[in-house]
PDB file of N, CA and C in Angstrom:
ATOM      1  N   MET A   1      -1.990  21.824   7.813  1.00  0.00           N
ATOM      2  CA  MET A   1      -2.177  20.396   7.627  1.00  0.00           C
ATOM      3  C   MET A   1      -3.559  20.150   7.011  1.00  0.00           C
ATOM      4  N   GLU A   2      -3.609  19.266   6.041  1.00  0.00           N
ATOM      5  CA  GLU A   2      -4.849  18.953   5.339  1.00  0.00           C
ATOM      6  C   GLU A   2      -5.791  18.163   6.253  1.00  0.00           C
ATOM      7  N   PRO A   3      -7.110  18.459   6.224  1.00  0.00           N
ATOM      8  CA  PRO A   3      -8.072  17.691   7.037  1.00  0.00           C
ATOM      9  C   PRO A   3      -8.075  16.225   6.621  1.00  0.00           C
ATOM     10  N   THR A   4      -8.371  15.346   7.566  1.00  0.00           N
ATOM     11  CA  THR A   4      -8.350  13.908   7.299  1.00  0.00           C
ATOM     12  C   THR A   4      -9.682  13.262   7.666  1.00  0.00           C
ATOM     13  N   ARG A   5      -9.819  12.001   7.212  1.00  0.00           N
ATOM     14  CA  ARG A   5     -10.995  11.207   7.561  1.00  0.00           C
ATOM     15  C   ARG A   5     -10.565   9.754   7.746  1.00  0.00           C
ATOM     16  N   ASP A   6     -11.297   9.029   8.559  1.00  0.00           N
ATOM     17  CA  ASP A   6     -11.055   7.609   8.749  1.00  0.00           C
ATOM     18  C   ASP A   6     -11.745   6.875   7.604  1.00  0.00           C
ATOM     19  N   CYS A   7     -11.012   6.053   6.878  1.00  0.00           N
ATOM     20  CA  CYS A   7     -11.539   5.381   5.695  1.00  0.00           C
ATOM     21  C   CYS A   7     -11.454   3.862   5.878  1.00  0.00           C
ATOM     22  N   PRO A   8     -12.604   3.171   5.902  1.00  0.00           N
ATOM     23  CA  PRO A   8     -12.562   1.709   6.009  1.00  0.00           C
ATOM     24  C   PRO A   8     -11.971   1.085   4.748  1.00  0.00           C
ATOM     25  N   LEU A   9     -11.186   0.025   4.934  1.00  0.00           N
ATOM     26  CA  LEU A   9     -10.554  -0.684   3.826  1.00  0.00           C
ATOM     27  C   LEU A   9     -11.015  -2.134   3.812  1.00  0.00           C
ATOM     28  N   PHE A  10     -11.094  -2.728   2.644  1.00  0.00           N
ATOM     29  CA  PHE A  10     -11.436  -4.136   2.475  1.00  0.00           C
ATOM     30  C   PHE A  10     -12.689  -4.509   3.274  1.00  0.00           C
ATOM     31  N   GLY A  11     -13.739  -3.747   3.044  1.00  0.00           N
ATOM     32  CA  GLY A  11     -15.018  -4.043   3.683  1.00  0.00           C
ATOM     33  C   GLY A  11     -15.040  -3.785   5.177  1.00  0.00           C
ATOM     34  N   GLY A  12     -14.128  -2.957   5.662  1.00  0.00           N
ATOM     35  CA  GLY A  12     -14.082  -2.626   7.078  1.00  0.00           C
ATOM     36  C   GLY A  12     -13.163  -3.511   7.904  1.00  0.00           C
ATOM     37  N   ALA A  13     -12.373  -4.383   7.249  1.00  0.00           N
ATOM     38  CA  ALA A  13     -11.445  -5.248   7.980  1.00  0.00           C
ATOM     39  C   ALA A  13     -10.424  -4.424   8.760  1.00  0.00           C
ATOM     40  N   PHE A  14     -10.029  -3.275   8.216  1.00  0.00           N
ATOM     41  CA  PHE A  14      -9.196  -2.308   8.913  1.00  0.00           C
ATOM     42  C   PHE A  14      -9.410  -0.959   8.248  1.00  0.00           C
ATOM     43  N   SER A  15      -8.741   0.060   8.726  1.00  0.00           N
ATOM     44  CA  SER A  15      -8.976   1.393   8.172  1.00  0.00           C
ATOM     45  C   SER A  15      -7.669   2.169   8.085  1.00  0.00           C
ATOM     46  N   ALA A  16      -7.731   3.285   7.368  1.00  0.00           N
ATOM     47  CA  ALA A  16      -6.592   4.187   7.219  1.00  0.00           C
ATOM     48  C   ALA A  16      -7.099   5.614   7.359  1.00  0.00           C
ATOM     49  N   ILE A  17      -6.220   6.482   7.805  1.00  0.00           N
ATOM     50  CA  ILE A  17      -6.549   7.898   7.882  1.00  0.00           C
ATOM     51  C   ILE A  17      -6.036   8.546   6.603  1.00  0.00           C
ATOM     52  N   LEU A  18      -6.949   9.121   5.833  1.00  0.00           N
ATOM     53  CA  LEU A  18      -6.631   9.710   4.535  1.00  0.00           C
ATOM     54  C   LEU A  18      -7.065  11.166   4.489  1.00  0.00           C
ATOM     55  N   PRO A  19      -6.471  11.963   3.594  1.00  0.00           N
ATOM     56  CA  PRO A  19      -6.962  13.334   3.421  1.00  0.00           C
ATOM     57  C   PRO A  19      -8.439  13.310   3.019  1.00  0.00           C
ATOM     58  N   THR A  20      -9.192  14.280   3.470  1.00  0.00           N
ATOM     59  CA  THR A  20     -10.625  14.344   3.184  1.00  0.00           C
ATOM     60  C   THR A  20     -10.901  14.290   1.692  1.00  0.00           C
ATOM     61  N   GLY A  21     -10.076  14.914   0.875  1.00  0.00           N
ATOM     62  CA  GLY A  21     -10.298  14.957  -0.564  1.00  0.00           C
ATOM     63  C   GLY A  21      -9.813  13.754  -1.336  1.00  0.00           C
ATOM     64  N   ALA A  22      -9.250  12.747  -0.655  1.00  0.00           N
ATOM     65  CA  ALA A  22      -8.741  11.569  -1.361  1.00  0.00           C
ATOM     66  C   ALA A  22      -9.875  10.910  -2.147  1.00  0.00           C
ATOM     67  N   ILE A  23      -9.583  10.570  -3.383  1.00  0.00           N
ATOM     68  CA  ILE A  23     -10.580   9.971  -4.269  1.00  0.00           C
ATOM     69  C   ILE A  23     -10.385   8.461  -4.296  1.00  0.00           C
ATOM     70  N   ASP A  24     -11.463   7.718  -4.085  1.00  0.00           N
ATOM     71  CA  ASP A  24     -11.431   6.266  -4.177  1.00  0.00           C
ATOM     72  C   ASP A  24     -11.432   5.910  -5.662  1.00  0.00           C
ATOM     73  N   VAL A  25     -10.323   5.376  -6.149  1.00  0.00           N
ATOM     74  CA  VAL A  25     -10.165   5.098  -7.576  1.00  0.00           C
ATOM     75  C   VAL A  25     -11.174   4.061  -8.062  1.00  0.00           C
ATOM     76  N   SER A  26     -11.665   3.190  -7.161  1.00  0.00           N
ATOM     77  CA  SER A  26     -12.649   2.189  -7.587  1.00  0.00           C
ATOM     78  C   SER A  26     -13.968   2.833  -8.019  1.00  0.00           C
ATOM     79  N   ASP A  27     -14.176   4.120  -7.674  1.00  0.00           N
ATOM     80  CA  ASP A  27     -15.339   4.850  -8.173  1.00  0.00           C
ATOM     81  C   ASP A  27     -15.149   5.283  -9.623  1.00  0.00           C
ATOM     82  N   LEU A  28     -13.901   5.205 -10.122  1.00  0.00           N
ATOM     83  CA  LEU A  28     -13.573   5.678 -11.468  1.00  0.00           C
ATOM     84  C   LEU A  28     -13.256   4.554 -12.457  1.00  0.00           C
ATOM     85  N   ARG A  29     -12.670   3.470 -11.945  1.00  0.00           N
ATOM     86  CA  ARG A  29     -12.279   2.354 -12.809  1.00  0.00           C
ATOM     87  C   ARG A  29     -12.176   1.094 -11.961  1.00  0.00           C
ATOM     88  N   PRO A  30     -12.155  -0.084 -12.616  1.00  0.00           N
ATOM     89  CA  PRO A  30     -12.026  -1.323 -11.844  1.00  0.00           C
ATOM     90  C   PRO A  30     -10.686  -1.394 -11.099  1.00  0.00           C
ATOM     91  N   VAL A  31     -10.732  -1.898  -9.875  1.00  0.00           N
ATOM     92  CA  VAL A  31      -9.550  -2.099  -9.033  1.00  0.00           C
ATOM     93  C   VAL A  31      -9.593  -3.549  -8.564  1.00  0.00           C
ATOM     94  N   PRO A  32      -8.473  -4.276  -8.618  1.00  0.00           N
ATOM     95  CA  PRO A  32      -8.471  -5.675  -8.158  1.00  0.00           C
ATOM     96  C   PRO A  32      -8.954  -5.800  -6.712  1.00  0.00           C
ATOM     97  N   ASP A  33      -9.570  -6.947  -6.384  1.00  0.00           N
ATOM     98  CA  ASP A  33     -10.116  -7.175  -5.040  1.00  0.00           C
ATOM     99  C   ASP A  33      -9.067  -7.106  -3.940  1.00  0.00           C
ATOM    100  N   ASN A  34      -7.799  -7.359  -4.279  1.00  0.00           N
ATOM    101  CA  ASN A  34      -6.750  -7.339  -3.257  1.00  0.00           C
ATOM    102  C   ASN A  34      -6.131  -5.950  -3.095  1.00  0.00           C
ATOM    103  N   GLN A  35      -6.724  -4.927  -3.718  1.00  0.00           N
ATOM    104  CA  GLN A  35      -6.184  -3.567  -3.631  1.00  0.00           C
ATOM    105  C   GLN A  35      -7.259  -2.557  -3.205  1.00  0.00           C
ATOM    106  N   GLU A  36      -6.802  -1.536  -2.510  1.00  0.00           N
ATOM    107  CA  GLU A  36      -7.569  -0.314  -2.279  1.00  0.00           C
ATOM    108  C   GLU A  36      -6.688   0.795  -2.839  1.00  0.00           C
ATOM    109  N   VAL A  37      -7.225   1.632  -3.715  1.00  0.00           N
ATOM    110  CA  VAL A  37      -6.432   2.651  -4.389  1.00  0.00           C
ATOM    111  C   VAL A  37      -7.110   4.010  -4.217  1.00  0.00           C
ATOM    112  N   PHE A  38      -6.318   4.983  -3.794  1.00  0.00           N
ATOM    113  CA  PHE A  38      -6.803   6.349  -3.607  1.00  0.00           C
ATOM    114  C   PHE A  38      -5.843   7.296  -4.312  1.00  0.00           C
ATOM    115  N   CYS A  39      -6.379   8.401  -4.804  1.00  0.00           N
ATOM    116  CA  CYS A  39      -5.522   9.414  -5.405  1.00  0.00           C
ATOM    117  C   CYS A  39      -5.888  10.777  -4.842  1.00  0.00           C
ATOM    118  N   HIS A  40      -4.899  11.646  -4.846  1.00  0.00           N
ATOM    119  CA  HIS A  40      -5.084  13.012  -4.369  1.00  0.00           C
ATOM    120  C   HIS A  40      -5.532  13.847  -5.567  1.00  0.00           C
ATOM    121  N   PRO A  41      -6.563  14.668  -5.408  1.00  0.00           N
ATOM    122  CA  PRO A  41      -7.112  15.397  -6.557  1.00  0.00           C
ATOM    123  C   PRO A  41      -6.207  16.502  -7.115  1.00  0.00           C
ATOM    124  N   VAL A  42      -5.195  16.927  -6.368  1.00  0.00           N
ATOM    125  CA  VAL A  42      -4.358  18.040  -6.814  1.00  0.00           C
ATOM    126  C   VAL A  42      -2.923  17.606  -7.118  1.00  0.00           C
ATOM    127  N   THR A  43      -2.341  16.748  -6.284  1.00  0.00           N
ATOM    128  CA  THR A  43      -0.912  16.456  -6.385  1.00  0.00           C
ATOM    129  C   THR A  43      -0.554  15.336  -7.348  1.00  0.00           C
ATOM    130  N   ASP A  44      -1.519  14.600  -7.864  1.00  0.00           N
ATOM    131  CA  ASP A  44      -1.267  13.470  -8.756  1.00  0.00           C
ATOM    132  C   ASP A  44      -0.547  12.326  -8.032  1.00  0.00           C
ATOM    133  N   GLN A  45      -0.658  12.276  -6.697  1.00  0.00           N
ATOM    134  CA  GLN A  45      -0.078  11.180  -5.920  1.00  0.00           C
ATOM    135  C   GLN A  45      -1.146  10.131  -5.657  1.00  0.00           C
ATOM    136  N   SER A  46      -0.705   8.881  -5.534  1.00  0.00           N
ATOM    137  CA  SER A  46      -1.617   7.773  -5.272  1.00  0.00           C
ATOM    138  C   SER A  46      -1.162   6.998  -4.043  1.00  0.00           C
ATOM    139  N   LEU A  47      -2.121   6.387  -3.368  1.00  0.00           N
ATOM    140  CA  LEU A  47      -1.852   5.463  -2.278  1.00  0.00           C
ATOM    141  C   LEU A  47      -2.507   4.153  -2.652  1.00  0.00           C
ATOM    142  N   ILE A  48      -1.719   3.083  -2.666  1.00  0.00           N
ATOM    143  CA  ILE A  48      -2.238   1.759  -2.977  1.00  0.00           C
ATOM    144  C   ILE A  48      -1.969   0.858  -1.779  1.00  0.00           C
ATOM    145  N   VAL A  49      -3.038   0.280  -1.243  1.00  0.00           N
ATOM    146  CA  VAL A  49      -2.922  -0.703  -0.166  1.00  0.00           C
ATOM    147  C   VAL A  49      -3.222  -2.042  -0.817  1.00  0.00           C
ATOM    148  N   GLU A  50      -2.271  -2.970  -0.727  1.00  0.00           N
ATOM    149  CA  GLU A  50      -2.409  -4.245  -1.422  1.00  0.00           C
ATOM    150  C   GLU A  50      -2.201  -5.401  -0.452  1.00  0.00           C
ATOM    151  N   LEU A  51      -3.150  -6.340  -0.473  1.00  0.00           N
ATOM    152  CA  LEU A  51      -3.007  -7.564   0.312  1.00  0.00           C
ATOM    153  C   LEU A  51      -2.206  -8.557  -0.520  1.00  0.00           C
ATOM    154  N   LEU A  52      -1.160  -9.114   0.093  1.00  0.00           N
ATOM    155  CA  LEU A  52      -0.246  -9.986  -0.630  1.00  0.00           C
ATOM    156  C   LEU A  52      -0.220 -11.375  -0.008  1.00  0.00           C
ATOM    157  N   GLU A  53       0.132 -12.345  -0.801  1.00  0.00           N
ATOM    158  CA  GLU A  53       0.208 -13.732  -0.358  1.00  0.00           C
ATOM    159  C   GLU A  53       1.514 -13.978   0.404  1.00  0.00           C
ATOM    160  N   LEU A  54       1.425 -14.728   1.499  1.00  0.00           N
ATOM    161  CA  LEU A  54       2.596 -15.078   2.281  1.00  0.00           C
ATOM    162  C   LEU A  54       3.616 -15.800   1.408  1.00  0.00           C
ATOM    163  N   GLN A  55       4.862 -15.392   1.528  1.00  0.00           N
ATOM    164  CA  GLN A  55       5.978 -16.046   0.849  1.00  0.00           C
ATOM    165  C   GLN A  55       6.891 -16.597   1.940  1.00  0.00           C
ATOM    166  N   ALA A  56       6.803 -17.883   2.211  1.00  0.00           N
ATOM    167  CA  ALA A  56       7.497 -18.499   3.342  1.00  0.00           C
ATOM    168  C   ALA A  56       9.020 -18.439   3.216  1.00  0.00           C
ATOM    169  N   HIS A  57       9.550 -18.215   2.023  1.00  0.00           N
ATOM    170  CA  HIS A  57      11.005 -18.204   1.835  1.00  0.00           C
ATOM    171  C   HIS A  57      11.651 -16.881   2.232  1.00  0.00           C
ATOM    172  N   VAL A  58      10.859 -15.866   2.572  1.00  0.00           N
ATOM    173  CA  VAL A  58      11.415 -14.595   3.039  1.00  0.00           C
ATOM    174  C   VAL A  58      10.733 -14.208   4.348  1.00  0.00           C
ATOM    175  N   LEU A  59      11.509 -13.670   5.278  1.00  0.00           N
ATOM    176  CA  LEU A  59      10.980 -13.339   6.600  1.00  0.00           C
ATOM    177  C   LEU A  59      11.349 -11.911   6.986  1.00  0.00           C
ATOM    178  N   GLY A  60      10.591 -11.370   7.922  1.00  0.00           N
ATOM    179  CA  GLY A  60      10.909 -10.087   8.531  1.00  0.00           C
ATOM    180  C   GLY A  60      11.025  -8.951   7.545  1.00  0.00           C
ATOM    181  N   GLU A  61      12.031  -8.112   7.774  1.00  0.00           N
ATOM    182  CA  GLU A  61      12.275  -6.958   6.913  1.00  0.00           C
ATOM    183  C   GLU A  61      12.463  -7.389   5.462  1.00  0.00           C
ATOM    184  N   GLY A  62      13.092  -8.531   5.269  1.00  0.00           N
ATOM    185  CA  GLY A  62      13.309  -9.047   3.914  1.00  0.00           C
ATOM    186  C   GLY A  62      11.999  -9.320   3.184  1.00  0.00           C
ATOM    187  N   ALA A  63      10.963  -9.739   3.912  1.00  0.00           N
ATOM    188  CA  ALA A  63       9.658  -9.992   3.295  1.00  0.00           C
ATOM    189  C   ALA A  63       9.039  -8.685   2.809  1.00  0.00           C
ATOM    190  N   ALA A  64       9.156  -7.633   3.603  1.00  0.00           N
ATOM    191  CA  ALA A  64       8.617  -6.335   3.185  1.00  0.00           C
ATOM    192  C   ALA A  64       9.307  -5.868   1.911  1.00  0.00           C
ATOM    193  N   ARG A  65      10.622  -5.969   1.887  1.00  0.00           N
ATOM    194  CA  ARG A  65      11.377  -5.558   0.697  1.00  0.00           C
ATOM    195  C   ARG A  65      11.035  -6.443  -0.504  1.00  0.00           C
ATOM    196  N   TYR A  66      10.928  -7.739  -0.289  1.00  0.00           N
ATOM    197  CA  TYR A  66      10.605  -8.679  -1.371  1.00  0.00           C
ATOM    198  C   TYR A  66       9.289  -8.293  -2.043  1.00  0.00           C
ATOM    199  N   HIS A  67       8.253  -8.077  -1.242  1.00  0.00           N
ATOM    200  CA  HIS A  67       6.939  -7.760  -1.799  1.00  0.00           C
ATOM    201  C   HIS A  67       6.945  -6.409  -2.522  1.00  0.00           C
ATOM    202  N   PHE A  68       7.608  -5.414  -1.943  1.00  0.00           N
ATOM    203  CA  PHE A  68       7.667  -4.093  -2.568  1.00  0.00           C
ATOM    204  C   PHE A  68       8.355  -4.179  -3.926  1.00  0.00           C
ATOM    205  N   GLU A  69       9.466  -4.879  -3.977  1.00  0.00           N
ATOM    206  CA  GLU A  69      10.206  -5.013  -5.224  1.00  0.00           C
ATOM    207  C   GLU A  69       9.453  -5.888  -6.227  1.00  0.00           C
ATOM    208  N   ASP A  70       8.764  -6.925  -5.738  1.00  0.00           N
ATOM    209  CA  ASP A  70       7.985  -7.801  -6.613  1.00  0.00           C
ATOM    210  C   ASP A  70       6.829  -7.028  -7.256  1.00  0.00           C
ATOM    211  N   VAL A  71       6.117  -6.250  -6.470  1.00  0.00           N
ATOM    212  CA  VAL A  71       5.022  -5.451  -7.014  1.00  0.00           C
ATOM    213  C   VAL A  71       5.561  -4.463  -8.047  1.00  0.00           C
ATOM    214  N   GLY A  72       6.702  -3.847  -7.768  1.00  0.00           N
ATOM    215  CA  GLY A  72       7.319  -2.940  -8.730  1.00  0.00           C
ATOM    216  C   GLY A  72       7.645  -3.642 -10.036  1.00  0.00           C
ATOM    217  N   GLY A  73       8.156  -4.863  -9.934  1.00  0.00           N
ATOM    218  CA  GLY A  73       8.480  -5.624 -11.138  1.00  0.00           C
ATOM    219  C   GLY A  73       7.243  -5.981 -11.937  1.00  0.00           C
ATOM    220  N   VAL A  74       6.200  -6.420 -11.262  1.00  0.00           N
ATOM    221  CA  VAL A  74       4.950  -6.772 -11.931  1.00  0.00           C
ATOM    222  C   VAL A  74       4.344  -5.548 -12.622  1.00  0.00           C
ATOM    223  N   GLN A  75       4.472  -4.382 -11.995  1.00  0.00           N
ATOM    224  CA  GLN A  75       3.908  -3.153 -12.546  1.00  0.00           C
ATOM    225  C   GLN A  75       4.809  -2.513 -13.598  1.00  0.00           C
ATOM    226  N   GLY A  76       5.995  -3.084 -13.812  1.00  0.00           N
ATOM    227  CA  GLY A  76       6.918  -2.527 -14.802  1.00  0.00           C
ATOM    228  C   GLY A  76       7.564  -1.230 -14.347  1.00  0.00           C
ATOM    229  N   ALA A  77       7.859  -1.121 -13.059  1.00  0.00           N
ATOM    230  CA  ALA A  77       8.450   0.109 -12.517  1.00  0.00           C
ATOM    231  C   ALA A  77       9.807   0.384 -13.139  1.00  0.00           C
ATOM    232  N   ARG A  78      10.021   1.643 -13.506  1.00  0.00           N
ATOM    233  CA  ARG A  78      11.324   2.071 -14.007  1.00  0.00           C
ATOM    234  C   ARG A  78      12.314   2.222 -12.876  1.00  0.00           C
ATOM    235  N   ALA A  79      11.811   2.600 -11.710  1.00  0.00           N
ATOM    236  CA  ALA A  79      12.667   2.779 -10.538  1.00  0.00           C
ATOM    237  C   ALA A  79      11.912   2.304  -9.301  1.00  0.00           C
ATOM    238  N   VAL A  80      12.638   1.614  -8.407  1.00  0.00           N
ATOM    239  CA  VAL A  80      12.094   1.152  -7.127  1.00  0.00           C
ATOM    240  C   VAL A  80      13.098   1.552  -6.058  1.00  0.00           C
ATOM    241  N   HIS A  81      12.656   2.350  -5.088  1.00  0.00           N
ATOM    242  CA  HIS A  81      13.552   2.837  -4.046  1.00  0.00           C
ATOM    243  C   HIS A  81      12.909   2.660  -2.676  1.00  0.00           C
ATOM    244  N   VAL A  82      13.545   1.866  -1.819  1.00  0.00           N
ATOM    245  CA  VAL A  82      13.089   1.684  -0.441  1.00  0.00           C
ATOM    246  C   VAL A  82      13.700   2.788   0.410  1.00  0.00           C
ATOM    247  N   GLU A  83      12.851   3.560   1.081  1.00  0.00           N
ATOM    248  CA  GLU A  83      13.333   4.636   1.945  1.00  0.00           C
ATOM    249  C   GLU A  83      13.559   4.146   3.374  1.00  0.00           C
ATOM    250  N   SER A  84      12.642   3.320   3.893  1.00  0.00           N
ATOM    251  CA  SER A  84      12.819   2.772   5.240  1.00  0.00           C
ATOM    252  C   SER A  84      11.937   1.554   5.428  1.00  0.00           C
ATOM    253  N   VAL A  85      12.348   0.691   6.341  1.00  0.00           N
ATOM    254  CA  VAL A  85      11.544  -0.455   6.755  1.00  0.00           C
ATOM    255  C   VAL A  85      11.597  -0.479   8.276  1.00  0.00           C
ATOM    256  N   GLN A  86      10.425  -0.425   8.906  1.00  0.00           N
ATOM    257  CA  GLN A  86      10.350  -0.358  10.361  1.00  0.00           C
ATOM    258  C   GLN A  86       9.400  -1.417  10.894  1.00  0.00           C
ATOM    259  N   PRO A  87       9.750  -2.075  11.997  1.00  0.00           N
ATOM    260  CA  PRO A  87       8.813  -3.029  12.606  1.00  0.00           C
ATOM    261  C   PRO A  87       7.674  -2.287  13.299  1.00  0.00           C
ATOM    262  N   LEU A  88       6.506  -2.905  13.303  1.00  0.00           N
ATOM    263  CA  LEU A  88       5.360  -2.385  14.041  1.00  0.00           C
ATOM    264  C   LEU A  88       5.220  -3.155  15.344  1.00  0.00           C
ATOM    265  N   SER A  89       4.852  -2.471  16.388  1.00  0.00           N
ATOM    266  CA  SER A  89       4.586  -3.132  17.658  1.00  0.00           C
ATOM    267  C   SER A  89       3.277  -3.904  17.548  1.00  0.00           C
ATOM    268  N   LEU A  90       3.302  -5.189  17.830  1.00  0.00           N
ATOM    269  CA  LEU A  90       2.098  -6.018  17.713  1.00  0.00           C
ATOM    270  C   LEU A  90       0.992  -5.565  18.655  1.00  0.00           C
ATOM    271  N   GLU A  91       1.351  -4.926  19.753  1.00  0.00           N
ATOM    272  CA  GLU A  91       0.341  -4.453  20.698  1.00  0.00           C
ATOM    273  C   GLU A  91      -0.569  -3.400  20.066  1.00  0.00           C
ATOM    274  N   ASN A  92      -0.100  -2.738  19.023  1.00  0.00           N
ATOM    275  CA  ASN A  92      -0.876  -1.685  18.369  1.00  0.00           C
ATOM    276  C   ASN A  92      -1.704  -2.186  17.185  1.00  0.00           C
ATOM    277  N   LEU A  93      -1.702  -3.480  16.937  1.00  0.00           N
ATOM    278  CA  LEU A  93      -2.404  -4.024  15.774  1.00  0.00           C
ATOM    279  C   LEU A  93      -3.720  -4.678  16.161  1.00  0.00           C
ATOM    280  N   ALA A  94      -4.746  -4.440  15.372  1.00  0.00           N
ATOM    281  CA  ALA A  94      -6.018  -5.127  15.572  1.00  0.00           C
ATOM    282  C   ALA A  94      -5.862  -6.623  15.286  1.00  0.00           C
ATOM    283  N   LEU A  95      -4.916  -6.985  14.416  1.00  0.00           N
ATOM    284  CA  LEU A  95      -4.696  -8.383  14.035  1.00  0.00           C
ATOM    285  C   LEU A  95      -3.606  -9.058  14.863  1.00  0.00           C
ATOM    286  N   ARG A  96      -3.287  -8.508  16.041  1.00  0.00           N
ATOM    287  CA  ARG A  96      -2.148  -9.005  16.818  1.00  0.00           C
ATOM    288  C   ARG A  96      -2.255 -10.495  17.154  1.00  0.00           C
ATOM    289  N   GLY A  97      -3.451 -11.036  17.266  1.00  0.00           N
ATOM    290  CA  GLY A  97      -3.598 -12.460  17.551  1.00  0.00           C
ATOM    291  C   GLY A  97      -3.336 -13.339  16.349  1.00  0.00           C
ATOM    292  N   CYS A  98      -3.261 -12.742  15.174  1.00  0.00           N
ATOM    293  CA  CYS A  98      -3.117 -13.493  13.925  1.00  0.00           C
ATOM    294  C   CYS A  98      -1.719 -13.451  13.334  1.00  0.00           C
ATOM    295  N   CYS A  99      -0.868 -12.547  13.797  1.00  0.00           N
ATOM    296  CA  CYS A  99       0.445 -12.431  13.168  1.00  0.00           C
ATOM    297  C   CYS A  99       1.558 -12.415  14.207  1.00  0.00           C
ATOM    298  N   GLN A 100       2.719 -12.861  13.756  1.00  0.00           N
ATOM    299  CA  GLN A 100       3.890 -12.907  14.613  1.00  0.00           C
ATOM    300  C   GLN A 100       4.754 -11.664  14.478  1.00  0.00           C
ATOM    301  N   GLU A 101       4.615 -10.961  13.359  1.00  0.00           N
ATOM    302  CA  GLU A 101       5.372  -9.738  13.131  1.00  0.00           C
ATOM    303  C   GLU A 101       4.667  -8.899  12.081  1.00  0.00           C
ATOM    304  N   ALA A 102       4.973  -7.609  12.087  1.00  0.00           N
ATOM    305  CA  ALA A 102       4.409  -6.694  11.100  1.00  0.00           C
ATOM    306  C   ALA A 102       5.448  -5.622  10.790  1.00  0.00           C
ATOM    307  N   TRP A 103       5.452  -5.185   9.539  1.00  0.00           N
ATOM    308  CA  TRP A 103       6.454  -4.220   9.074  1.00  0.00           C
ATOM    309  C   TRP A 103       5.789  -3.140   8.244  1.00  0.00           C
ATOM    310  N   VAL A 104       6.350  -1.950   8.277  1.00  0.00           N
ATOM    311  CA  VAL A 104       5.919  -0.854   7.415  1.00  0.00           C
ATOM    312  C   VAL A 104       7.103  -0.475   6.553  1.00  0.00           C
ATOM    313  N   LEU A 105       6.893  -0.516   5.246  1.00  0.00           N
ATOM    314  CA  LEU A 105       7.925  -0.115   4.301  1.00  0.00           C
ATOM    315  C   LEU A 105       7.474   1.185   3.647  1.00  0.00           C
ATOM    316  N   SER A 106       8.349   2.154   3.623  1.00  0.00           N
ATOM    317  CA  SER A 106       8.101   3.399   2.897  1.00  0.00           C
ATOM    318  C   SER A 106       9.064   3.440   1.732  1.00  0.00           C
ATOM    319  N   GLY A 107       8.532   3.727   0.565  1.00  0.00           N
ATOM    320  CA  GLY A 107       9.377   3.780  -0.612  1.00  0.00           C
ATOM    321  C   GLY A 107       8.658   4.427  -1.775  1.00  0.00           C
ATOM    322  N   LYS A 108       9.353   4.501  -2.872  1.00  0.00           N
ATOM    323  CA  LYS A 108       8.804   5.097  -4.085  1.00  0.00           C
ATOM    324  C   LYS A 108       9.063   4.169  -5.256  1.00  0.00           C
ATOM    325  N   GLN A 109       8.079   4.137  -6.140  1.00  0.00           N
ATOM    326  CA  GLN A 109       8.218   3.414  -7.393  1.00  0.00           C
ATOM    327  C   GLN A 109       7.802   4.345  -8.518  1.00  0.00           C
ATOM    328  N   GLN A 110       8.555   4.344  -9.588  1.00  0.00           N
ATOM    329  CA  GLN A 110       8.187   5.130 -10.752  1.00  0.00           C
ATOM    330  C   GLN A 110       7.519   4.186 -11.740  1.00  0.00           C
ATOM    331  N   VAL A 111       6.189   4.308 -11.819  1.00  0.00           N
ATOM    332  CA  VAL A 111       5.376   3.409 -12.646  1.00  0.00           C
ATOM    333  C   VAL A 111       4.481   4.272 -13.530  1.00  0.00           C
ATOM    334  N   ALA A 112       4.373   3.898 -14.798  1.00  0.00           N
ATOM    335  CA  ALA A 112       3.467   4.599 -15.690  1.00  0.00           C
ATOM    336  C   ALA A 112       2.030   4.309 -15.261  1.00  0.00           C
ATOM    337  N   LYS A 113       1.196   5.342 -15.275  1.00  0.00           N
ATOM    338  CA  LYS A 113      -0.221   5.154 -14.963  1.00  0.00           C
ATOM    339  C   LYS A 113      -0.899   4.444 -16.107  1.00  0.00           C
ATOM    340  N   GLU A 114      -2.090   3.951 -15.844  1.00  0.00           N
ATOM    341  CA  GLU A 114      -2.863   3.213 -16.844  1.00  0.00           C
ATOM    342  C   GLU A 114      -2.906   3.990 -18.162  1.00  0.00           C
ATOM    343  N   ASN A 115      -2.652   3.294 -19.263  1.00  0.00           N
ATOM    344  CA  ASN A 115      -2.693   3.870 -20.609  1.00  0.00           C
ATOM    345  C   ASN A 115      -1.622   4.915 -20.877  1.00  0.00           C
ATOM    346  N   GLN A 116      -0.537   4.957 -20.102  1.00  0.00           N
ATOM    347  CA  GLN A 116       0.541   5.907 -20.336  1.00  0.00           C
ATOM    348  C   GLN A 116       1.852   5.151 -20.515  1.00  0.00           C
ATOM    349  N   GLN A 117       2.766   5.754 -21.256  1.00  0.00           N
ATOM    350  CA  GLN A 117       4.102   5.201 -21.409  1.00  0.00           C
ATOM    351  C   GLN A 117       4.973   5.688 -20.263  1.00  0.00           C
ATOM    352  N   HIS A 118       6.129   5.034 -20.014  1.00  0.00           N
ATOM    353  CA  HIS A 118       7.050   5.454 -18.950  1.00  0.00           C
ATOM    354  C   HIS A 118       7.598   6.820 -19.209  1.00  0.00           C
TER     355      HIS A 118
END
């Protein structure tokens, strides 16, 4: 198993556990304020954490799917595949006083990287 480190996100509002070698993409190029982007130096995989605006017309699991598919559309994804959507226990969240529900969506999107064709 690859060694990990605790990485603060969005100025320390919360954190994620990432591989020690994960590269903060904002050290290489501009990244929007609503995103934290990391890449693995060997596998060419990326992790993007994005803060999204509430969409009152979709709730629960449907909201997670809506945002994932919307981001894929905005990014021009050739393929968008949801692997799973699971609820998070609010007792385990630092923001539990601020939210009524939380979801984790795992999926894949096939998106061309900056300056590349599909």
